[in-house]
Amino acid sequence: MARKFLYAIAILIALAIIVMIAFSFFGQRLMRTALVPHAAFSELPALPARFYAEPSGWISRPDERRNDPARWQPASLRAAAPAAGQQAAIFFIHPTSAFGTDRWNAPVNDPVAAQQAERFVRLQVSAFASAGPVWVPRYRQAVFGAFLTDKPEATKALAGAYRDVAAAFTAFLAANPDGPIILAAHSQGTRHLLTLLQAHRNDATLHRRIVAVYAVGWPISPVHDLPALGLPACAGPDQTGCVLGWQSFAAPADPSAVEGAFDGQPGLDGAARKGDPMLCVNPLNGGAAPDAPADASLGMLAGDGGPATTQLVRPGVGARCGGRGFLMLDRAPALGSAVLPGNNYHVYDYALFWANIRADALRRVRAWRPAS
């Protein structure tokens, strides 16, 4: 019996090695085959007229759910209540949480995608909870496979998802007609946030209200993207009305997949981005310098995003902006099993710097002043 058990273990190990080798050679191809939808594209019908006027249109919204994941805080910190003094209204667009292949856009009430989105909100948006009330809309997101193909259906899926986000933002502004705001997102959410900001490029009133834009987990060209938004990169921790962005990798890093996608797409101004640097604002120091040591970290989140299984861990990691603009970690922390090929810590872009993002948002809110 023991010998059979050892044989079984040996076979499993061998299979695991074969899978890893196959993925290293055919990873992108395997992912496309497994995850790109093969279904025909269906145009999304319009959402109900009052969808974002109701609590059901939001994952997080002030004075609603008692167990709002955005209000979660690590056990080592006090419960998330907006800090005394000036506050900002926070609008956050969550990343992709749908991986189905039977359609190009996830239904807004998909239970699996909704549960995963709540985990992302707990790991990411909770960093902003002490800076003010948080708004996180539900939207019919493009599924993960839409980012692995150049089929026209993928473009249509992203356009449909953006229409929902734009409608949610209109409702957010109606509920928050004045005062400072923070705009933040991750991954697919950041793509939509950039499109949203480009659409409001000439809205001077909105720009005056912006404390900061946290456009994380998506490659941004300072040359051909930021000018189309009308907002500069953050160059210090007390600056307001600016953009922070980063993409996290650990050594040995292989960012070629990100570079290939970035180089193959035009910038927001329509010009080619090939060879451009990418925006990298170090979240450990708010953009004051490219490098920051581990002792600059106030703590990172470890855990799966569950309220009882996620905790604030110290010490955190150091990081530096290097190469074309990737945020290189000084070590590869064991945060979970979601590290992507190439040692890409994309899923952990917020968790790695959670406590510093929290402090950064509070500092910028205090620094914000209304235009005279």
Protein backbone atom coordinates (compact mmCIF):
# COMPACT_ATOMS: atom_id res chain seq x y z
CA MET A 1 0.00 0.00 0.00
CA ALA A 2 2.79 2.42 0.92
CA ARG A 3 4.58 1.64 -2.34
CA LYS A 4 1.40 2.33 -4.34
CA PHE A 5 0.97 5.61 -2.49
CA LEU A 6 4.53 6.66 -3.33
CA TYR A 7 3.99 5.72 -6.97
CA ALA A 8 0.84 7.87 -7.03
CA ILE A 9 2.69 10.82 -5.53
CA ALA A 10 5.52 10.39 -8.06
CA ILE A 11 3.03 10.35 -10.93
CA LEU A 12 1.31 13.51 -9.65
CA ILE A 13 4.67 15.29 -9.32
CA ALA A 14 5.63 14.23 -12.83
CA LEU A 15 2.31 15.48 -14.20
CA ALA A 16 2.76 18.79 -12.40
CA ILE A 17 6.23 19.18 -13.92
CA ILE A 18 4.90 18.37 -17.39
CA VAL A 19 2.11 20.94 -16.96
CA MET A 20 4.58 23.62 -15.84
CA ILE A 21 6.90 22.89 -18.76
CA ALA A 22 4.01 22.94 -21.22
CA PHE A 23 2.75 26.22 -19.79
CA SER A 24 6.20 27.79 -20.06
CA PHE A 25 6.25 27.02 -23.79
CA PHE A 26 2.56 27.25 -24.68
CA GLY A 27 1.08 29.28 -21.79
CA GLN A 28 -0.60 32.02 -23.78
CA ARG A 29 -1.89 29.57 -26.38
CA LEU A 30 -3.29 27.26 -23.68
CA MET A 31 -4.95 30.17 -21.90
CA ARG A 32 -6.55 31.39 -25.14
CA THR A 33 -7.87 27.93 -25.94
CA ALA A 34 -9.27 27.45 -22.45
CA LEU A 35 -10.56 30.92 -21.64
CA VAL A 36 -11.50 32.85 -24.79
CA PRO A 37 -15.28 32.56 -25.30
CA HIS A 38 -16.38 30.60 -28.33
CA ALA A 39 -19.95 31.84 -28.08
CA ALA A 40 -21.40 34.39 -30.47
CA PHE A 41 -21.41 37.94 -29.18
CA SER A 42 -24.72 39.38 -27.98
CA GLU A 43 -25.16 43.12 -27.61
CA LEU A 44 -25.97 44.12 -24.05
CA PRO A 45 -29.46 45.53 -23.55
CA ALA A 46 -29.77 48.81 -21.69
CA LEU A 47 -29.77 48.55 -17.91
CA PRO A 48 -33.02 49.48 -16.14
CA ALA A 49 -33.37 53.26 -16.00
CA ARG A 50 -32.88 53.46 -12.22
CA PHE A 51 -30.35 50.66 -11.88
CA TYR A 52 -27.68 52.82 -10.21
CA ALA A 53 -30.25 54.71 -8.15
CA GLU A 54 -30.89 51.48 -6.22
CA PRO A 55 -28.62 49.70 -3.71
CA SER A 56 -28.64 46.57 -5.91
CA GLY A 57 -26.58 48.44 -8.51
CA TRP A 58 -23.61 48.72 -6.16
CA ILE A 59 -21.21 46.39 -4.37
CA SER A 60 -20.38 49.25 -2.02
CA ARG A 61 -22.37 52.39 -1.37
CA PRO A 62 -22.63 54.63 1.72
CA ASP A 63 -25.24 53.83 4.38
CA GLU A 64 -26.21 50.52 2.87
CA ARG A 65 -24.93 46.98 3.65
CA ARG A 66 -23.67 46.36 7.16
CA ASN A 67 -21.10 43.91 5.84
CA ASP A 68 -19.92 46.14 3.01
CA PRO A 69 -16.54 44.65 1.93
CA ALA A 70 -15.10 48.14 1.31
CA ARG A 71 -15.46 48.92 5.01
CA TRP A 72 -13.51 45.86 6.11
CA GLN A 73 -10.24 46.57 7.92
CA PRO A 74 -7.50 44.26 9.22
CA ALA A 75 -8.03 43.11 12.79
CA SER A 76 -4.92 45.01 13.86
CA LEU A 77 -6.55 48.32 12.84
CA ARG A 78 -9.67 50.01 14.06
CA ALA A 79 -12.88 49.52 12.11
CA ALA A 80 -13.01 51.63 8.98
CA ALA A 81 -14.77 54.88 9.68
CA PRO A 82 -13.96 57.95 7.62
CA ALA A 83 -11.30 60.00 9.36
CA ALA A 84 -12.31 63.20 11.10
CA GLY A 85 -11.89 66.34 9.04
CA GLN A 86 -12.02 66.60 5.29
CA GLN A 87 -13.24 63.54 3.38
CA ALA A 88 -13.44 62.58 -0.27
CA ALA A 89 -16.05 60.53 -2.08
CA ILE A 90 -14.34 57.51 -3.64
CA PHE A 91 -15.40 55.92 -6.94
CA PHE A 92 -13.73 52.55 -7.60
CA ILE A 93 -14.05 50.25 -10.63
CA HIS A 94 -13.24 46.67 -9.69
CA PRO A 95 -11.06 44.35 -11.82
CA THR A 96 -12.13 41.29 -13.80
CA SER A 97 -13.79 38.69 -11.62
CA ALA A 98 -15.58 36.68 -14.34
CA PHE A 99 -13.88 33.77 -16.11
CA GLY A 100 -16.74 32.10 -17.93
CA THR A 101 -16.52 31.15 -21.60
CA ASP A 102 -20.21 30.88 -22.49
CA ARG A 103 -20.58 34.64 -23.09
CA TRP A 104 -18.43 37.75 -23.54
CA ASN A 105 -19.92 39.82 -20.73
CA ALA A 106 -20.81 38.52 -17.30
CA PRO A 107 -24.38 39.13 -16.11
CA VAL A 108 -24.48 41.85 -13.50
CA ASN A 109 -25.92 39.36 -10.98
CA ASP A 110 -23.59 36.43 -11.72
CA PRO A 111 -23.08 34.90 -8.24
CA VAL A 112 -19.56 33.54 -8.78
CA ALA A 113 -18.24 36.76 -10.34
CA ALA A 114 -19.97 38.81 -7.63
CA GLN A 115 -18.37 36.80 -4.84
CA GLN A 116 -14.91 37.20 -6.35
CA ALA A 117 -15.52 40.91 -6.92
CA GLU A 118 -16.30 41.30 -3.22
CA ARG A 119 -12.98 39.69 -2.38
CA PHE A 120 -11.21 42.18 -4.62
CA VAL A 121 -13.09 45.04 -2.97
CA ARG A 122 -11.95 43.80 0.45
CA LEU A 123 -8.32 43.48 -0.70
CA GLN A 124 -8.19 46.73 -2.67
CA VAL A 125 -10.90 49.28 -2.00
CA SER A 126 -10.72 48.91 1.79
CA ALA A 127 -7.49 50.93 1.61
CA PHE A 128 -9.60 54.01 0.82
CA ALA A 129 -12.35 53.48 3.42
CA SER A 130 -10.83 55.79 6.02
CA ALA A 131 -10.56 58.63 3.46
CA GLY A 132 -14.30 58.87 2.86
CA PRO A 133 -17.45 57.08 1.61
CA VAL A 134 -16.83 54.44 -1.05
CA TRP A 135 -18.87 53.72 -4.16
CA VAL A 136 -18.18 50.53 -6.17
CA PRO A 137 -20.63 49.80 -9.00
CA ARG A 138 -21.67 46.44 -10.32
CA TYR A 139 -21.20 46.29 -14.08
CA ARG A 140 -21.41 43.76 -16.87
CA GLN A 141 -17.68 43.25 -17.09
CA ALA A 142 -15.91 41.70 -20.04
CA VAL A 143 -14.84 38.18 -19.09
CA PHE A 144 -11.16 37.36 -18.62
CA GLY A 145 -10.86 35.69 -22.02
CA ALA A 146 -11.66 38.99 -23.76
CA PHE A 147 -8.15 40.15 -22.83
CA LEU A 148 -6.50 37.17 -24.50
CA THR A 149 -7.71 37.79 -28.04
CA ASP A 150 -7.96 40.48 -30.68
CA LYS A 151 -11.34 39.26 -31.91
CA PRO A 152 -13.83 42.09 -32.56
CA GLU A 153 -16.13 40.49 -29.99
CA ALA A 154 -13.61 41.42 -27.27
CA THR A 155 -13.71 45.08 -28.26
CA LYS A 156 -17.50 45.04 -28.23
CA ALA A 157 -17.54 43.36 -24.80
CA LEU A 158 -15.28 46.03 -23.34
CA ALA A 159 -17.37 48.79 -24.90
CA GLY A 160 -20.50 47.33 -23.34
CA ALA A 161 -18.85 47.11 -19.93
CA TYR A 162 -17.70 50.72 -20.22
CA ARG A 163 -21.23 51.94 -20.92
CA ASP A 164 -22.30 50.51 -17.55
CA VAL A 165 -19.34 52.17 -15.80
CA ALA A 166 -20.12 55.52 -17.42
CA ALA A 167 -23.74 55.28 -16.25
CA ALA A 168 -22.57 54.45 -12.72
CA PHE A 169 -20.21 57.43 -12.73
CA THR A 170 -23.05 59.74 -13.74
CA ALA A 171 -25.04 58.44 -10.76
CA PHE A 172 -22.00 58.87 -8.49
CA LEU A 173 -21.58 62.51 -9.53
CA ALA A 174 -25.28 63.17 -9.03
CA ALA A 175 -25.01 61.82 -5.49
CA ASN A 176 -21.78 63.75 -4.87
CA PRO A 177 -22.24 67.06 -6.73
CA ASP A 178 -19.38 68.89 -5.04
CA GLY A 179 -16.34 68.38 -2.84
CA PRO A 180 -13.19 66.30 -3.33
CA ILE A 181 -13.25 62.93 -5.05
CA ILE A 182 -10.83 60.03 -5.45
CA LEU A 183 -11.05 57.90 -8.60
CA ALA A 184 -9.47 54.46 -8.42
CA ALA A 185 -9.49 51.13 -10.22
CA HIS A 186 -7.52 48.02 -11.05
CA SER A 187 -6.87 46.05 -14.23
CA GLN A 188 -10.02 46.01 -16.44
CA GLY A 189 -11.39 48.66 -14.10
CA THR A 190 -8.42 50.90 -14.85
CA ARG A 191 -8.97 50.52 -18.58
CA HIS A 192 -12.51 51.78 -18.11
CA LEU A 193 -11.34 54.55 -15.77
CA LEU A 194 -8.91 55.85 -18.39
CA THR A 195 -11.67 55.89 -21.00
CA LEU A 196 -13.90 57.72 -18.52
CA LEU A 197 -11.24 60.34 -17.80
CA GLN A 198 -10.59 60.82 -21.51
CA ALA A 199 -14.32 61.46 -22.02
CA HIS A 200 -14.13 64.13 -19.29
CA ARG A 201 -10.87 65.58 -20.61
CA ASN A 202 -12.29 69.11 -20.86
CA ASP A 203 -14.33 69.05 -17.66
CA ALA A 204 -12.40 71.64 -15.64
CA THR A 205 -14.90 71.49 -12.78
CA LEU A 206 -14.36 67.76 -12.38
CA HIS A 207 -10.58 68.11 -12.59
CA ARG A 208 -10.58 70.67 -9.77
CA ARG A 209 -12.35 68.14 -7.56
CA ILE A 210 -9.89 65.29 -8.11
CA VAL A 211 -7.71 64.48 -5.12
CA ALA A 212 -5.92 61.69 -6.99
CA VAL A 213 -6.47 58.99 -9.59
CA TYR A 214 -5.20 55.51 -8.69
CA ALA A 215 -4.97 53.91 -12.15
CA VAL A 216 -3.33 50.63 -11.13
CA GLY A 217 -2.55 47.40 -12.95
CA TRP A 218 -2.79 48.70 -16.51
CA PRO A 219 0.07 50.01 -18.71
CA ILE A 220 -0.13 53.79 -19.22
CA SER A 221 2.10 55.87 -21.48
CA PRO A 222 3.17 59.21 -19.96
CA VAL A 223 3.81 60.32 -23.55
CA HIS A 224 0.62 59.32 -25.36
CA ASP A 225 -1.94 58.54 -22.62
CA LEU A 226 -1.59 61.02 -19.77
CA PRO A 227 -1.79 64.15 -22.00
CA ALA A 228 -5.09 62.83 -23.37
CA LEU A 229 -6.44 62.78 -19.81
CA GLY A 230 -5.32 66.30 -18.96
CA LEU A 231 -3.79 65.10 -15.68
CA PRO A 232 -0.11 64.78 -14.70
CA ALA A 233 1.65 61.90 -13.00
CA CYS A 234 2.02 62.28 -9.23
CA ALA A 235 5.55 63.43 -8.37
CA GLY A 236 5.17 63.61 -4.60
CA PRO A 237 2.96 62.48 -1.71
CA ASP A 238 1.28 65.85 -1.14
CA GLN A 239 0.36 66.56 -4.77
CA THR A 240 -3.31 66.50 -5.75
CA GLY A 241 -5.08 66.31 -9.09
CA CYS A 242 -2.59 63.73 -10.37
CA VAL A 243 -2.36 60.07 -11.44
CA LEU A 244 -0.67 57.14 -9.69
CA GLY A 245 -0.09 53.87 -11.51
CA TRP A 246 2.13 50.81 -11.22
CA GLN A 247 2.48 47.17 -12.30
CA SER A 248 4.17 44.82 -9.83
CA PHE A 249 6.76 42.18 -10.71
CA ALA A 250 9.34 40.17 -8.78
CA ALA A 251 12.63 38.78 -10.06
CA PRO A 252 13.17 36.92 -12.28
CA ALA A 253 10.59 38.97 -14.14
CA ASP A 254 9.27 38.43 -17.64
CA PRO A 255 6.99 41.35 -18.56
CA SER A 256 7.07 40.54 -22.28
CA ALA A 257 3.33 39.76 -22.43
CA VAL A 258 2.48 43.18 -21.00
CA GLU A 259 5.01 44.90 -23.26
CA GLY A 260 3.66 43.16 -26.34
CA ALA A 261 0.08 44.21 -25.60
CA PHE A 262 1.17 47.76 -24.76
CA ASP A 263 3.32 48.18 -27.88
CA GLY A 264 0.61 46.77 -30.13
CA GLN A 265 -2.06 49.29 -29.13
CA PRO A 266 -2.15 53.03 -29.89
CA GLY A 267 -2.18 55.56 -27.09
CA LEU A 268 -5.25 57.49 -26.04
CA ASP A 269 -4.12 60.25 -28.40
CA GLY A 270 -4.19 57.78 -31.32
CA ALA A 271 -0.40 57.70 -31.76
CA ALA A 272 1.78 54.58 -31.59
CA ARG A 273 3.10 53.72 -28.12
CA LYS A 274 5.73 51.19 -29.18
CA GLY A 275 8.90 51.77 -27.18
CA ASP A 276 7.24 54.25 -24.80
CA PRO A 277 8.02 54.09 -21.09
CA MET A 278 5.14 53.13 -18.79
CA LEU A 279 3.83 55.13 -15.86
CA CYS A 280 5.34 53.96 -12.58
CA VAL A 281 4.60 55.93 -9.42
CA ASN A 282 6.07 54.14 -6.42
CA PRO A 283 3.18 53.60 -3.96
CA LEU A 284 5.61 53.36 -1.04
CA ASN A 285 6.49 57.06 -1.30
CA GLY A 286 3.74 58.56 -3.44
CA GLY A 287 6.07 59.24 -6.36
CA ALA A 288 8.75 61.12 -4.43
CA ALA A 289 11.45 58.80 -5.81
CA PRO A 290 11.67 55.71 -8.06
CA ASP A 291 13.09 53.53 -5.27
CA ALA A 292 11.83 52.80 -1.76
CA PRO A 293 13.32 50.29 0.74
CA ALA A 294 11.32 47.69 2.64
CA ASP A 295 11.35 49.81 5.80
CA ALA A 296 9.20 52.35 3.93
CA SER A 297 6.40 49.78 3.85
CA LEU A 298 3.63 50.22 6.41
CA GLY A 299 2.30 46.73 5.77
CA MET A 300 0.78 44.49 3.12
CA LEU A 301 -2.29 42.25 3.08
CA ALA A 302 -1.87 38.48 3.10
CA GLY A 303 -4.79 36.14 2.64
CA ASP A 304 -7.50 35.20 0.16
CA GLY A 305 -9.70 38.25 0.64
CA GLY A 306 -12.01 36.57 3.13
CA PRO A 307 -12.87 38.78 6.12
CA ALA A 308 -11.46 36.29 8.64
CA THR A 309 -8.54 34.98 6.59
CA THR A 310 -6.86 38.22 5.51
CA GLN A 311 -4.46 40.14 7.71
CA LEU A 312 -2.01 43.01 7.66
CA VAL A 313 1.57 41.74 7.57
CA ARG A 314 4.77 43.56 8.48
CA PRO A 315 7.43 43.90 7.24
CA GLY A 316 6.29 44.52 3.70
CA VAL A 317 8.40 44.73 0.57
CA GLY A 318 10.65 47.36 -0.93
CA ALA A 319 10.12 48.33 -4.56
CA ARG A 320 11.70 50.35 -7.35
CA CYS A 321 10.51 51.61 -10.70
CA GLY A 322 12.84 50.06 -13.25
CA GLY A 323 13.19 49.19 -16.92
CA ARG A 324 10.36 50.57 -19.03
CA GLY A 325 8.36 51.36 -15.92
CA PHE A 326 7.60 48.17 -14.05
CA LEU A 327 7.51 48.21 -10.26
CA MET A 328 10.12 45.65 -9.23
CA LEU A 329 9.73 44.12 -5.76
CA ASP A 330 12.85 43.54 -3.70
CA ARG A 331 11.66 40.00 -2.97
CA ALA A 332 8.94 37.60 -4.04
CA PRO A 333 6.53 37.48 -1.09
CA ALA A 334 4.33 34.42 -0.56
CA LEU A 335 0.92 36.09 -0.68
CA GLY A 336 -1.02 33.35 -2.44
CA SER A 337 -1.30 31.20 -5.53
CA ALA A 338 -2.37 33.93 -7.96
CA VAL A 339 1.07 35.08 -9.14
CA LEU A 340 0.86 35.16 -12.94
CA PRO A 341 3.45 33.83 -15.41
CA GLY A 342 6.56 35.96 -15.57
CA ASN A 343 6.49 36.53 -11.78
CA ASN A 344 3.74 39.05 -12.38
CA TYR A 345 2.15 40.15 -9.07
CA HIS A 346 -0.72 41.82 -10.91
CA VAL A 347 -3.41 40.36 -8.64
CA TYR A 348 -1.58 41.77 -5.60
CA ASP A 349 -0.94 45.31 -6.91
CA TYR A 350 -3.00 46.79 -4.07
CA ALA A 351 -2.45 44.15 -1.38
CA LEU A 352 1.33 44.57 -1.55
CA PHE A 353 1.09 48.25 -0.60
CA TRP A 354 -2.27 48.35 1.19
CA ALA A 355 -1.22 50.35 4.27
CA ASN A 356 0.83 52.83 2.22
CA ILE A 357 -2.10 53.40 -0.16
CA ARG A 358 -4.31 54.01 2.87
CA ALA A 359 -1.88 56.60 4.24
CA ASP A 360 -1.35 58.12 0.78
CA ALA A 361 -5.08 58.68 0.23
CA LEU A 362 -5.51 60.29 3.65
CA ARG A 363 -2.53 62.58 3.11
CA ARG A 364 -3.72 63.75 -0.30
CA VAL A 365 -7.26 64.36 0.97
CA ARG A 366 -5.84 66.59 3.69
CA ALA A 367 -3.69 68.38 1.11
CA TRP A 368 -6.57 69.01 -1.32
CA ARG A 369 -7.89 72.56 -1.48
CA PRO A 370 -10.91 73.79 -3.42
CA ALA A 371 -10.13 76.14 -6.28
CA SER A 372 -10.59 79.77 -5.38
